Amino acid sequence: MTSPRGPWGRSWGRRLSAIQPYTPVQSAPTDQHLETLRQAPARLQDILTEHRQALADIHNATNADTHLTDEGKAARKSAQVEQIQRRSSQAVAALDDETGSAYGALQQRSANALPEPTPGVQGMLARQAAWSRVQTLLNAGMPQQQVIDEADDPETLHALAEELPTVLRAQGLHPDDARAVLDTVDDRLAEVTGEDAANARLAAREADVHQAGLEPLLSHARAEASGQGHRGGALAAAVAAQQARSRIAAGVSLEDDERPNASFGRGLNAAVTAAASRPTILRRAINDQMLRAAQRPQAPTDQANGDAGGRNPQY
């Protein structure tokens, strides 16, 4: 979700004029886009609560009106219910648009913060030399994730992003599993780029979790607000939302994996475990942040949930 790529493709952000190693900071500013996603479930619940109360009020008021015939009560109730459904549907749609814009802004900001590969022949030769060194390490048995974690310059990471998909494909790795590994290339690229890129990447990765959980909640809210669904479906939607958040936080695709050996797929956590080296500072913060987001159905906080160093979490 974070990287808008195809199964074996690659997307690039703009080139930065200077590359500075990432150094964790003690705090990070509140991001309104991230707060929009964190608080969306609670706001959605408020919309539905108001919707249900309005329907109950219409039912009680209409039934208590002794001046209306049964036909008159039915006609009034129908007209008022339709008005409430229209209003609630508009509120759900507005929140859907708001969260979609917030999610898109976070992903775009993260992509823009990543440096592009050096253009021209010079850049091509630098990446070829970097990949030659990487191949030596891989052929000697170093795990791919360790190679990624220990890369400390953008050109080496760009070389990995360009060449590693072919290696993963040759090994028969499922595209979803390959993307989980390649996402860690962008994680590391953000880390070596500097603080701004690292914090943007951290926010984008957390946003993935929130957005995944919002999909089933919004689907139920649209149905209930329009009268095509019942409030009883809220529990199933909440369970589906929690499952979606947990899958994304674990680096697992939301799509069902029907492969015979699906249980051996390499999600993000499995890829991290396979590395001989400890997770880098940013990737450790990303893992912690995504897991916290997955465990928090609603996050009514107006403070940033820590920084890219994993410090000062708010939930």
C-alpha atoms as a PDB file:
ATOM      1  CA  MET A   1       0.000   0.000   0.000  1.00  0.00           C
ATOM      2  CA  THR A   2       2.740   2.385   0.890  1.00  0.00           C
ATOM      3  CA  SER A   3       4.676   1.948  -2.336  1.00  0.00           C
ATOM      4  CA  PRO A   4       2.459   2.397  -5.441  1.00  0.00           C
ATOM      5  CA  ARG A   5       4.191  -0.286  -7.452  1.00  0.00           C
ATOM      6  CA  GLY A   6       3.154  -3.312  -9.456  1.00  0.00           C
ATOM      7  CA  PRO A   7       4.311  -6.792  -8.429  1.00  0.00           C
ATOM      8  CA  TRP A   8       7.804  -6.217  -9.801  1.00  0.00           C
ATOM      9  CA  GLY A   9       7.826  -2.508 -10.537  1.00  0.00           C
ATOM     10  CA  ARG A  10       9.336   0.464  -8.758  1.00  0.00           C
ATOM     11  CA  SER A  11       8.240   4.023  -8.064  1.00  0.00           C
ATOM     12  CA  TRP A  12      10.544   6.956  -7.334  1.00  0.00           C
ATOM     13  CA  GLY A  13      10.240  10.182  -5.401  1.00  0.00           C
ATOM     14  CA  ARG A  14      11.969  13.465  -6.238  1.00  0.00           C
ATOM     15  CA  ARG A  15      15.717  13.814  -5.894  1.00  0.00           C
ATOM     16  CA  LEU A  16      16.944  15.528  -2.733  1.00  0.00           C
ATOM     17  CA  SER A  17      19.745  18.027  -2.977  1.00  0.00           C
ATOM     18  CA  ALA A  18      21.493  16.611   0.081  1.00  0.00           C
ATOM     19  CA  ILE A  19      21.544  13.220   1.730  1.00  0.00           C
ATOM     20  CA  GLN A  20      21.975  13.177   5.498  1.00  0.00           C
ATOM     21  CA  PRO A  21      21.893  10.016   7.638  1.00  0.00           C
ATOM     22  CA  TYR A  22      18.816   9.674   9.800  1.00  0.00           C
ATOM     23  CA  THR A  23      19.291  10.470  13.472  1.00  0.00           C
ATOM     24  CA  PRO A  24      16.372   9.780  15.845  1.00  0.00           C
ATOM     25  CA  VAL A  25      14.840  12.814  17.504  1.00  0.00           C
ATOM     26  CA  GLN A  26      12.981  13.026  20.777  1.00  0.00           C
ATOM     27  CA  SER A  27       9.671  14.201  19.367  1.00  0.00           C
ATOM     28  CA  ALA A  28       7.773  14.671  16.125  1.00  0.00           C
ATOM     29  CA  PRO A  29       5.176  17.302  15.246  1.00  0.00           C
ATOM     30  CA  THR A  30       1.521  16.340  15.159  1.00  0.00           C
ATOM     31  CA  ASP A  31       0.441  15.431  11.634  1.00  0.00           C
ATOM     32  CA  GLN A  32      -3.126  16.418  10.901  1.00  0.00           C
ATOM     33  CA  HIS A  33      -3.433  13.900   8.062  1.00  0.00           C
ATOM     34  CA  LEU A  34      -2.429  11.094  10.399  1.00  0.00           C
ATOM     35  CA  GLU A  35      -4.791  12.371  13.080  1.00  0.00           C
ATOM     36  CA  THR A  36      -7.618  12.316  10.519  1.00  0.00           C
ATOM     37  CA  LEU A  37      -7.017   8.606   9.950  1.00  0.00           C
ATOM     38  CA  ARG A  38      -6.531   7.821  13.635  1.00  0.00           C
ATOM     39  CA  GLN A  39      -9.783   9.449  14.662  1.00  0.00           C
ATOM     40  CA  ALA A  40     -11.884   8.376  11.660  1.00  0.00           C
ATOM     41  CA  PRO A  41     -13.365   5.245  13.341  1.00  0.00           C
ATOM     42  CA  ALA A  42     -14.625   7.327  16.279  1.00  0.00           C
ATOM     43  CA  ARG A  43     -16.068   9.962  13.942  1.00  0.00           C
ATOM     44  CA  LEU A  44     -17.735   7.257  11.888  1.00  0.00           C
ATOM     45  CA  GLN A  45     -19.267   5.821  15.030  1.00  0.00           C
ATOM     46  CA  ASP A  46     -20.593   9.283  15.948  1.00  0.00           C
ATOM     47  CA  ILE A  47     -22.287   9.546  12.545  1.00  0.00           C
ATOM     48  CA  LEU A  48     -23.997   6.189  12.968  1.00  0.00           C
ATOM     49  CA  THR A  49     -24.997   6.908  16.564  1.00  0.00           C
ATOM     50  CA  GLU A  50     -26.637  10.151  15.482  1.00  0.00           C
ATOM     51  CA  HIS A  51     -28.267   8.344  12.561  1.00  0.00           C
ATOM     52  CA  ARG A  52     -29.757   5.654  14.792  1.00  0.00           C
ATOM     53  CA  GLN A  53     -30.994   8.189  17.354  1.00  0.00           C
ATOM     54  CA  ALA A  54     -32.654  10.262  14.639  1.00  0.00           C
ATOM     55  CA  LEU A  55     -34.477   7.199  13.303  1.00  0.00           C
ATOM     56  CA  ALA A  56     -35.627   6.279  16.805  1.00  0.00           C
ATOM     57  CA  ASP A  57     -36.877   9.821  17.424  1.00  0.00           C
ATOM     58  CA  ILE A  58     -38.898   9.777  14.197  1.00  0.00           C
ATOM     59  CA  HIS A  59     -40.404   6.422  15.081  1.00  0.00           C
ATOM     60  CA  ASN A  60     -41.425   7.563  18.569  1.00  0.00           C
ATOM     61  CA  ALA A  61     -42.734  10.975  17.513  1.00  0.00           C
ATOM     62  CA  THR A  62     -44.756   9.614  14.613  1.00  0.00           C
ATOM     63  CA  ASN A  63     -46.329   6.827  16.634  1.00  0.00           C
ATOM     64  CA  ALA A  64     -47.244   9.298  19.384  1.00  0.00           C
ATOM     65  CA  ASP A  65     -49.112  11.583  16.979  1.00  0.00           C
ATOM     66  CA  THR A  66     -52.767  10.654  17.516  1.00  0.00           C
ATOM     67  CA  HIS A  67     -53.973  12.993  14.756  1.00  0.00           C
ATOM     68  CA  LEU A  68     -52.510  10.857  11.984  1.00  0.00           C
ATOM     69  CA  THR A  69     -53.984   7.737  10.452  1.00  0.00           C
ATOM     70  CA  ASP A  70     -51.811   4.700  10.007  1.00  0.00           C
ATOM     71  CA  GLU A  71     -51.347   5.661   6.360  1.00  0.00           C
ATOM     72  CA  GLY A  72     -50.413   9.206   7.369  1.00  0.00           C
ATOM     73  CA  LYS A  73     -47.892   7.966   9.922  1.00  0.00           C
ATOM     74  CA  ALA A  74     -46.308   5.672   7.365  1.00  0.00           C
ATOM     75  CA  ALA A  75     -46.067   8.476   4.799  1.00  0.00           C
ATOM     76  CA  ARG A  76     -44.534  10.949   7.261  1.00  0.00           C
ATOM     77  CA  LYS A  77     -42.110   8.361   8.604  1.00  0.00           C
ATOM     78  CA  SER A  78     -41.017   7.388   5.098  1.00  0.00           C
ATOM     79  CA  ALA A  79     -40.328  10.981   4.087  1.00  0.00           C
ATOM     80  CA  GLN A  80     -38.389  11.770   7.243  1.00  0.00           C
ATOM     81  CA  VAL A  81     -36.411   8.533   7.160  1.00  0.00           C
ATOM     82  CA  GLU A  82     -35.380   9.257   3.580  1.00  0.00           C
ATOM     83  CA  GLN A  83     -34.176  12.696   4.632  1.00  0.00           C
ATOM     84  CA  ILE A  84     -32.105  11.254   7.491  1.00  0.00           C
ATOM     85  CA  GLN A  85     -30.632   8.582   5.253  1.00  0.00           C
ATOM     86  CA  ARG A  86     -29.598  11.203   2.734  1.00  0.00           C
ATOM     87  CA  ARG A  87     -27.974  13.332   5.427  1.00  0.00           C
ATOM     88  CA  SER A  88     -26.138  10.395   7.009  1.00  0.00           C
ATOM     89  CA  SER A  89     -24.977   9.081   3.644  1.00  0.00           C
ATOM     90  CA  GLN A  90     -23.549  12.492   2.819  1.00  0.00           C
ATOM     91  CA  ALA A  91     -21.706  12.576   6.149  1.00  0.00           C
ATOM     92  CA  VAL A  92     -20.202   9.135   5.548  1.00  0.00           C
ATOM     93  CA  ALA A  93     -19.184  10.096   2.007  1.00  0.00           C
ATOM     94  CA  ALA A  94     -17.563  13.308   3.254  1.00  0.00           C
ATOM     95  CA  LEU A  95     -15.537  11.391   5.842  1.00  0.00           C
ATOM     96  CA  ASP A  96     -14.562   8.843   3.194  1.00  0.00           C
ATOM     97  CA  ASP A  97     -13.287  11.648   0.966  1.00  0.00           C
ATOM     98  CA  GLU A  98     -11.439  13.273   3.858  1.00  0.00           C
ATOM     99  CA  THR A  99      -9.670  10.086   4.918  1.00  0.00           C
ATOM    100  CA  GLY A 100      -8.848   9.206   1.315  1.00  0.00           C
ATOM    101  CA  SER A 101      -7.255  12.604   0.789  1.00  0.00           C
ATOM    102  CA  ALA A 102      -5.328  12.336   4.057  1.00  0.00           C
ATOM    103  CA  TYR A 103      -4.027   8.869   3.168  1.00  0.00           C
ATOM    104  CA  GLY A 104      -3.022   9.976  -0.319  1.00  0.00           C
ATOM    105  CA  ALA A 105      -1.221  13.031   1.048  1.00  0.00           C
ATOM    106  CA  LEU A 106       0.795  10.910   3.480  1.00  0.00           C
ATOM    107  CA  GLN A 107       1.798   8.435   0.772  1.00  0.00           C
ATOM    108  CA  GLN A 108       2.750  11.226  -1.631  1.00  0.00           C
ATOM    109  CA  ARG A 109       4.784  13.037   0.989  1.00  0.00           C
ATOM    110  CA  SER A 110       6.675   9.849   1.776  1.00  0.00           C
ATOM    111  CA  ALA A 111       7.379   9.164  -1.901  1.00  0.00           C
ATOM    112  CA  ASN A 112       8.488  12.759  -2.503  1.00  0.00           C
ATOM    113  CA  ALA A 113      10.936  12.580   0.401  1.00  0.00           C
ATOM    114  CA  LEU A 114      12.856   9.676  -1.128  1.00  0.00           C
ATOM    115  CA  PRO A 115      15.760  10.581  -3.413  1.00  0.00           C
ATOM    116  CA  GLU A 116      15.710   9.530  -7.033  1.00  0.00           C
ATOM    117  CA  PRO A 117      18.638   7.543  -8.456  1.00  0.00           C
ATOM    118  CA  THR A 118      21.455   9.587  -9.933  1.00  0.00           C
ATOM    119  CA  PRO A 119      20.621  10.110 -13.624  1.00  0.00           C
ATOM    120  CA  GLY A 120      22.808   9.430 -16.634  1.00  0.00           C
ATOM    121  CA  VAL A 121      25.737   7.137 -17.239  1.00  0.00           C
ATOM    122  CA  GLN A 122      27.424   8.041 -13.970  1.00  0.00           C
ATOM    123  CA  GLY A 123      24.426   6.930 -11.949  1.00  0.00           C
ATOM    124  CA  MET A 124      24.001   3.749 -13.972  1.00  0.00           C
ATOM    125  CA  LEU A 125      27.643   2.765 -13.473  1.00  0.00           C
ATOM    126  CA  ALA A 126      27.409   3.501  -9.738  1.00  0.00           C
ATOM    127  CA  ARG A 127      24.380   1.249  -9.371  1.00  0.00           C
ATOM    128  CA  GLN A 128      25.988  -1.509 -11.426  1.00  0.00           C
ATOM    129  CA  ALA A 129      29.049  -1.408  -9.176  1.00  0.00           C
ATOM    130  CA  ALA A 130      26.848  -1.424  -6.089  1.00  0.00           C
ATOM    131  CA  TRP A 131      24.862  -4.406  -7.345  1.00  0.00           C
ATOM    132  CA  SER A 132      28.100  -6.285  -8.106  1.00  0.00           C
ATOM    133  CA  ARG A 133      29.124  -5.845  -4.468  1.00  0.00           C
ATOM    134  CA  VAL A 134      25.655  -6.936  -3.319  1.00  0.00           C
ATOM    135  CA  GLN A 135      25.819 -10.064  -5.476  1.00  0.00           C
ATOM    136  CA  THR A 136      29.099 -11.012  -3.821  1.00  0.00           C
ATOM    137  CA  LEU A 137      27.446 -10.791  -0.415  1.00  0.00           C
ATOM    138  CA  LEU A 138      24.348 -12.708  -1.509  1.00  0.00           C
ATOM    139  CA  ASN A 139      26.428 -15.433  -3.146  1.00  0.00           C
ATOM    140  CA  ALA A 140      28.382 -15.756   0.099  1.00  0.00           C
ATOM    141  CA  GLY A 141      25.131 -16.529   1.894  1.00  0.00           C
ATOM    142  CA  MET A 142      24.236 -13.195   3.475  1.00  0.00           C
ATOM    143  CA  PRO A 143      20.429 -12.902   3.854  1.00  0.00           C
ATOM    144  CA  GLN A 144      18.767 -10.369   1.573  1.00  0.00           C
ATOM    145  CA  GLN A 145      17.291  -8.496   4.518  1.00  0.00           C
ATOM    146  CA  GLN A 146      20.702  -8.106   6.128  1.00  0.00           C
ATOM    147  CA  VAL A 147      22.075  -6.708   2.889  1.00  0.00           C
ATOM    148  CA  ILE A 148      19.233  -4.172   2.861  1.00  0.00           C
ATOM    149  CA  ASP A 149      19.687  -3.253   6.506  1.00  0.00           C
ATOM    150  CA  GLU A 150      23.414  -2.707   6.155  1.00  0.00           C
ATOM    151  CA  ALA A 151      23.206  -0.592   2.984  1.00  0.00           C
ATOM    152  CA  ASP A 152      24.119   2.965   3.904  1.00  0.00           C
ATOM    153  CA  ASP A 153      23.929   4.929   0.654  1.00  0.00           C
ATOM    154  CA  PRO A 154      20.988   5.679  -1.696  1.00  0.00           C
ATOM    155  CA  GLU A 155      22.619   4.316  -4.856  1.00  0.00           C
ATOM    156  CA  THR A 156      23.109   0.869  -3.326  1.00  0.00           C
ATOM    157  CA  LEU A 157      19.468   0.849  -2.212  1.00  0.00           C
ATOM    158  CA  HIS A 158      18.326   1.963  -5.660  1.00  0.00           C
ATOM    159  CA  ALA A 159      20.374  -0.881  -7.127  1.00  0.00           C
ATOM    160  CA  LEU A 160      18.657  -3.288  -4.736  1.00  0.00           C
ATOM    161  CA  ALA A 161      15.256  -1.934  -5.738  1.00  0.00           C
ATOM    162  CA  GLU A 162      16.061  -2.400  -9.412  1.00  0.00           C
ATOM    163  CA  GLU A 163      17.699  -5.827  -9.269  1.00  0.00           C
ATOM    164  CA  LEU A 164      16.319  -7.601  -6.199  1.00  0.00           C
ATOM    165  CA  PRO A 165      12.840  -8.202  -7.736  1.00  0.00           C
ATOM    166  CA  THR A 166      14.470 -10.419 -10.363  1.00  0.00           C
ATOM    167  CA  VAL A 167      16.243 -12.410  -7.646  1.00  0.00           C
ATOM    168  CA  LEU A 168      13.046 -12.798  -5.626  1.00  0.00           C
ATOM    169  CA  ARG A 169      11.123 -13.821  -8.724  1.00  0.00           C
ATOM    170  CA  ALA A 170      13.735 -16.425  -9.620  1.00  0.00           C
ATOM    171  CA  GLN A 171      13.399 -17.837  -6.118  1.00  0.00           C
ATOM    172  CA  GLY A 172       9.662 -18.269  -6.658  1.00  0.00           C
ATOM    173  CA  LEU A 173       8.658 -15.743  -4.036  1.00  0.00           C
ATOM    174  CA  HIS A 174       5.027 -14.682  -4.310  1.00  0.00           C
ATOM    175  CA  PRO A 175       4.632 -11.032  -5.463  1.00  0.00           C
ATOM    176  CA  ASP A 176       2.905 -10.090  -2.194  1.00  0.00           C
ATOM    177  CA  ASP A 177       5.783 -11.524  -0.186  1.00  0.00           C
ATOM    178  CA  ALA A 178       8.297  -9.836  -2.479  1.00  0.00           C
ATOM    179  CA  ARG A 179       6.624  -6.472  -1.955  1.00  0.00           C
ATOM    180  CA  ALA A 180       6.951  -6.932   1.803  1.00  0.00           C
ATOM    181  CA  VAL A 181      10.701  -7.337   1.372  1.00  0.00           C
ATOM    182  CA  LEU A 182      10.965  -4.473  -1.120  1.00  0.00           C
ATOM    183  CA  ASP A 183       9.056  -2.189   1.237  1.00  0.00           C
ATOM    184  CA  THR A 184      11.967  -2.548   3.629  1.00  0.00           C
ATOM    185  CA  VAL A 185      14.247  -1.191   0.884  1.00  0.00           C
ATOM    186  CA  ASP A 186      12.210   2.024   0.906  1.00  0.00           C
ATOM    187  CA  ASP A 187      12.255   1.965   4.703  1.00  0.00           C
ATOM    188  CA  ARG A 188      16.048   1.842   4.673  1.00  0.00           C
ATOM    189  CA  LEU A 189      16.246   4.457   1.901  1.00  0.00           C
ATOM    190  CA  ALA A 190      14.166   6.820   4.026  1.00  0.00           C
ATOM    191  CA  GLU A 191      16.387   6.102   7.017  1.00  0.00           C
ATOM    192  CA  VAL A 192      19.658   6.957   5.272  1.00  0.00           C
ATOM    193  CA  THR A 193      18.106  10.004   3.597  1.00  0.00           C
ATOM    194  CA  GLY A 194      17.426  11.867   6.812  1.00  0.00           C
ATOM    195  CA  GLU A 195      14.981  12.747   9.556  1.00  0.00           C
ATOM    196  CA  ASP A 196      12.255  14.253   7.367  1.00  0.00           C
ATOM    197  CA  ALA A 197      12.151  11.258   5.033  1.00  0.00           C
ATOM    198  CA  ALA A 198      12.208   8.824   7.962  1.00  0.00           C
ATOM    199  CA  ASN A 199       9.321  10.510   9.749  1.00  0.00           C
ATOM    200  CA  ALA A 200       7.349  10.736   6.490  1.00  0.00           C
ATOM    201  CA  ARG A 201       7.909   7.028   5.906  1.00  0.00           C
ATOM    202  CA  LEU A 202       6.876   6.198   9.471  1.00  0.00           C
ATOM    203  CA  ALA A 203       3.634   8.162   9.055  1.00  0.00           C
ATOM    204  CA  ALA A 204       2.900   6.534   5.696  1.00  0.00           C
ATOM    205  CA  ARG A 205       3.409   3.061   7.105  1.00  0.00           C
ATOM    206  CA  GLU A 206       1.108   3.740  10.049  1.00  0.00           C
ATOM    207  CA  ALA A 207      -1.431   5.190   7.614  1.00  0.00           C
ATOM    208  CA  ASP A 208      -1.468   1.848   5.783  1.00  0.00           C
ATOM    209  CA  VAL A 209      -2.778   0.170   8.928  1.00  0.00           C
ATOM    210  CA  HIS A 210      -5.476   2.756   9.578  1.00  0.00           C
ATOM    211  CA  GLN A 211      -6.633   2.815   5.955  1.00  0.00           C
ATOM    212  CA  ALA A 212      -6.950  -0.964   5.831  1.00  0.00           C
ATOM    213  CA  GLY A 213      -9.110  -0.946   8.950  1.00  0.00           C
ATOM    214  CA  LEU A 214     -11.318   1.833   7.632  1.00  0.00           C
ATOM    215  CA  GLU A 215     -12.428  -0.035   4.524  1.00  0.00           C
ATOM    216  CA  PRO A 216     -14.825  -2.513   6.224  1.00  0.00           C
ATOM    217  CA  LEU A 217     -16.049   0.183   8.614  1.00  0.00           C
ATOM    218  CA  LEU A 218     -16.890   2.552   5.774  1.00  0.00           C
ATOM    219  CA  SER A 219     -18.551  -0.235   3.809  1.00  0.00           C
ATOM    220  CA  HIS A 220     -20.876  -0.998   6.723  1.00  0.00           C
ATOM    221  CA  ALA A 221     -21.529   2.688   7.406  1.00  0.00           C
ATOM    222  CA  ARG A 222     -22.544   3.321   3.792  1.00  0.00           C
ATOM    223  CA  ALA A 223     -24.977   0.411   3.898  1.00  0.00           C
ATOM    224  CA  GLU A 224     -26.532   1.338   7.233  1.00  0.00           C
ATOM    225  CA  ALA A 225     -26.790   5.050   6.432  1.00  0.00           C
ATOM    226  CA  SER A 226     -28.557   4.347   3.131  1.00  0.00           C
ATOM    227  CA  GLY A 227     -30.972   1.865   4.692  1.00  0.00           C
ATOM    228  CA  GLN A 228     -29.506  -1.078   2.791  1.00  0.00           C
ATOM    229  CA  GLY A 229     -27.816  -2.515   5.864  1.00  0.00           C
ATOM    230  CA  HIS A 230     -28.645  -3.070   9.518  1.00  0.00           C
ATOM    231  CA  ARG A 231     -26.803  -1.929  12.617  1.00  0.00           C
ATOM    232  CA  GLY A 232     -26.325  -5.586  13.497  1.00  0.00           C
ATOM    233  CA  GLY A 233     -23.610  -5.697  10.823  1.00  0.00           C
ATOM    234  CA  ALA A 234     -21.452  -3.343  12.881  1.00  0.00           C
ATOM    235  CA  LEU A 235     -19.894  -6.161  14.892  1.00  0.00           C
ATOM    236  CA  ALA A 236     -18.840  -8.080  11.788  1.00  0.00           C
ATOM    237  CA  ALA A 237     -17.398  -4.863  10.340  1.00  0.00           C
ATOM    238  CA  ALA A 238     -15.427  -4.201  13.522  1.00  0.00           C
ATOM    239  CA  VAL A 239     -13.992  -7.735  13.454  1.00  0.00           C
ATOM    240  CA  ALA A 240     -13.077  -7.380   9.774  1.00  0.00           C
ATOM    241  CA  ALA A 241     -11.430  -4.025  10.480  1.00  0.00           C
ATOM    242  CA  GLN A 242      -9.305  -5.484  13.269  1.00  0.00           C
ATOM    243  CA  GLN A 243      -8.257  -8.387  11.065  1.00  0.00           C
ATOM    244  CA  ALA A 244      -7.299  -6.032   8.242  1.00  0.00           C
ATOM    245  CA  ARG A 245      -5.223  -3.834  10.553  1.00  0.00           C
ATOM    246  CA  SER A 246      -3.443  -6.862  11.974  1.00  0.00           C
ATOM    247  CA  ARG A 247      -2.659  -8.301   8.528  1.00  0.00           C
ATOM    248  CA  ILE A 248      -1.189  -5.041   7.261  1.00  0.00           C
ATOM    249  CA  ALA A 249       0.826  -4.549  10.446  1.00  0.00           C
ATOM    250  CA  ALA A 250       2.286  -8.043   9.986  1.00  0.00           C
ATOM    251  CA  GLY A 251       3.154  -7.349   6.357  1.00  0.00           C
ATOM    252  CA  VAL A 252       0.543  -9.798   5.057  1.00  0.00           C
ATOM    253  CA  SER A 253      -1.582  -9.105   1.976  1.00  0.00           C
ATOM    254  CA  LEU A 254      -5.279  -8.400   2.540  1.00  0.00           C
ATOM    255  CA  GLU A 255      -6.069 -10.812  -0.274  1.00  0.00           C
ATOM    256  CA  ASP A 256      -6.518 -14.453   0.642  1.00  0.00           C
ATOM    257  CA  ASP A 257      -3.493 -16.513  -0.282  1.00  0.00           C
ATOM    258  CA  GLU A 258      -4.628 -19.720  -1.976  1.00  0.00           C
ATOM    259  CA  ARG A 259      -1.172 -21.131  -2.606  1.00  0.00           C
ATOM    260  CA  PRO A 260      -0.665 -24.712  -1.315  1.00  0.00           C
ATOM    261  CA  ASN A 261       2.311 -23.520   0.753  1.00  0.00           C
ATOM    262  CA  ALA A 262       0.781 -20.205   1.801  1.00  0.00           C
ATOM    263  CA  SER A 263       1.744 -20.807   5.413  1.00  0.00           C
ATOM    264  CA  PHE A 264       5.382 -20.479   4.394  1.00  0.00           C
ATOM    265  CA  GLY A 265       4.909 -17.022   2.829  1.00  0.00           C
ATOM    266  CA  ARG A 266       7.335 -14.309   3.886  1.00  0.00           C
ATOM    267  CA  GLY A 267       5.455 -11.363   5.268  1.00  0.00           C
ATOM    268  CA  LEU A 268       7.250  -8.343   6.685  1.00  0.00           C
ATOM    269  CA  ASN A 269       7.800  -9.836  10.128  1.00  0.00           C
ATOM    270  CA  ALA A 270       8.989 -13.151   8.660  1.00  0.00           C
ATOM    271  CA  ALA A 271      11.427 -11.303   6.423  1.00  0.00           C
ATOM    272  CA  VAL A 272      12.737  -9.351   9.376  1.00  0.00           C
ATOM    273  CA  THR A 273      13.149 -12.510  11.449  1.00  0.00           C
ATOM    274  CA  ALA A 274      15.114 -14.119   8.630  1.00  0.00           C
ATOM    275  CA  ALA A 275      17.762 -11.413   8.770  1.00  0.00           C
ATOM    276  CA  ALA A 276      20.915 -12.104  10.694  1.00  0.00           C
ATOM    277  CA  SER A 277      21.183  -8.467  11.743  1.00  0.00           C
ATOM    278  CA  ARG A 278      18.949  -6.631  14.174  1.00  0.00           C
ATOM    279  CA  PRO A 279      16.231  -4.419  12.638  1.00  0.00           C
ATOM    280  CA  THR A 280      17.404  -0.896  11.917  1.00  0.00           C
ATOM    281  CA  ILE A 281      16.192   1.950  14.112  1.00  0.00           C
ATOM    282  CA  LEU A 282      13.560   3.135  11.653  1.00  0.00           C
ATOM    283  CA  ARG A 283      12.275  -0.323  10.780  1.00  0.00           C
ATOM    284  CA  ARG A 284      11.993  -1.200  14.459  1.00  0.00           C
ATOM    285  CA  ALA A 285      10.006   2.000  14.961  1.00  0.00           C
ATOM    286  CA  ILE A 286       7.824   1.164  11.957  1.00  0.00           C
ATOM    287  CA  ASN A 287       7.105  -2.333  13.272  1.00  0.00           C
ATOM    288  CA  ASP A 288       6.222  -1.008  16.725  1.00  0.00           C
ATOM    289  CA  GLN A 289       4.095   1.801  15.331  1.00  0.00           C
ATOM    290  CA  MET A 290       2.151  -0.436  12.967  1.00  0.00           C
ATOM    291  CA  LEU A 291       1.478  -2.977  15.696  1.00  0.00           C
ATOM    292  CA  ARG A 292       0.272  -0.257  18.069  1.00  0.00           C
ATOM    293  CA  ALA A 293      -2.007   1.100  15.364  1.00  0.00           C
ATOM    294  CA  ALA A 294      -3.362  -2.393  14.681  1.00  0.00           C
ATOM    295  CA  GLN A 295      -4.174  -2.908  18.338  1.00  0.00           C
ATOM    296  CA  ARG A 296      -5.948   0.428  18.647  1.00  0.00           C
ATOM    297  CA  PRO A 297      -9.372   0.362  16.924  1.00  0.00           C
ATOM    298  CA  GLN A 298      -9.930   4.006  17.781  1.00  0.00           C
ATOM    299  CA  ALA A 299      -7.194   6.464  18.630  1.00  0.00           C
ATOM    300  CA  PRO A 300      -8.750   9.658  20.010  1.00  0.00           C
ATOM    301  CA  THR A 301      -5.456  11.427  20.497  1.00  0.00           C
ATOM    302  CA  ASP A 302      -4.387  14.801  19.210  1.00  0.00           C
ATOM    303  CA  GLN A 303      -0.702  14.089  19.718  1.00  0.00           C
ATOM    304  CA  ALA A 304       1.794  12.413  17.434  1.00  0.00           C
ATOM    305  CA  ASN A 305       2.296   8.733  18.176  1.00  0.00           C
ATOM    306  CA  GLY A 306       6.004   9.021  18.739  1.00  0.00           C
ATOM    307  CA  ASP A 307       8.744   9.779  16.262  1.00  0.00           C
ATOM    308  CA  ALA A 308      10.703   7.748  13.753  1.00  0.00           C
ATOM    309  CA  GLY A 309      12.980   6.640  16.551  1.00  0.00           C
ATOM    310  CA  GLY A 310      10.040   5.018  18.323  1.00  0.00           C
ATOM    311  CA  ARG A 311      10.187   7.469  21.207  1.00  0.00           C
ATOM    312  CA  ASN A 312       7.300   9.056  23.111  1.00  0.00           C
ATOM    313  CA  PRO A 313       4.426   6.931  21.759  1.00  0.00           C
ATOM    314  CA  GLN A 314       0.971   8.150  22.699  1.00  0.00           C
ATOM    315  CA  TYR A 315      -0.785   4.786  22.482  1.00  0.00           C
END
